[in-house]
Amino acid sequence: MSRPTVAVLDYGSGNVHSAVKALEHAGAEVELTRDAARVAAADGLLVPGVGAFDAVMQQLREVRGDELIDRRLAGGRPVLGICVGQQIMFDRGVERGIETEGLGQWPGTVRELDAPRLPHMGWNTVEAPADSVLFRGLEGERFYFVHSYAATEWTLEGRGPATAPKVTWAEHGERFVAAVENGPLSATQFHPEKSGEAGIRLLRNWLETL
C-alpha cells in the first residue's frame, strides 16, 4: 500500500519539524510547504500552531493559509490542527485583552483557563467519545499539553449520528476542549508529536481516514 501524503503548512509557526518526524513515523509521506497546489493535492493537511492566537492568525494570513484551509474543508478534504492550530478554528481568541478573529470553522471563544497554575504543561488524560476514531485503541492514555488558553464550551451540534461532532474533553482547573472530530476537520489541543507512542498511534488513526 502507498503511504498517504500529508502537507504540513509552513507559515512560520514552531514545532513543525517534530510534527513532520512524528507523521513520518506514523506512516505518512510528509512535505513542509505553503505552496497552494501542493497543499490542495495532499491527502491530508496538518496545521501546527505555537504561541499567541493573534500572532498565529497574522502569520497564517500573510501566506494565505486561511484560504488554503478553507478551500480544503469546502471540498471535504481532511485537515488536522494541533495546539493553537486547534484554537484558531474557533470564532475568536481573547488573550491579554486582545480579541482576534479566528477562522470561524466552529462557534466559540478561546480564552485563558481558570486554573491555579498556568501554563497547563505536562501529561493529562482525556475523555473521548466511545465512537472516536482519533482515540481508537487509546483508552486511558495520557497526552502532552502546553497551553494557557482553550475553548471551554462547545455549542455546535450535528444533524444526525453520522455528522454529529465528536468532542474530547480534558480538565485543568476547568473542563476544556482537548480534541474535535468534525467531518474533514479534526484538531487536538495537546501535542501528538510530543506524546510518545500514544501520539503516534493517534496520528496513525488519523492517517487511516485519509
Foldseek 3Di string as FASTA:
>chain_A
DAAFEEEEEDQPAPPPVLVQVLLVVLGHHYDHDLDLVVLQPGQEYEYEHDDDLAVSVVSCVVSPVLVSVVVCVVVLRAYEYEASRVQLLEQWEADPNDIDGGSHVFYFYKYFAQAPDPDPFAKFDKAWDPPDLLCVVPPPAIFTAHGGIATQDHDDADPDPVQGKTFMWTDHNHIGTQWIDGRRYIYGNTDLSPGPPSSSSSSSSVSVVD
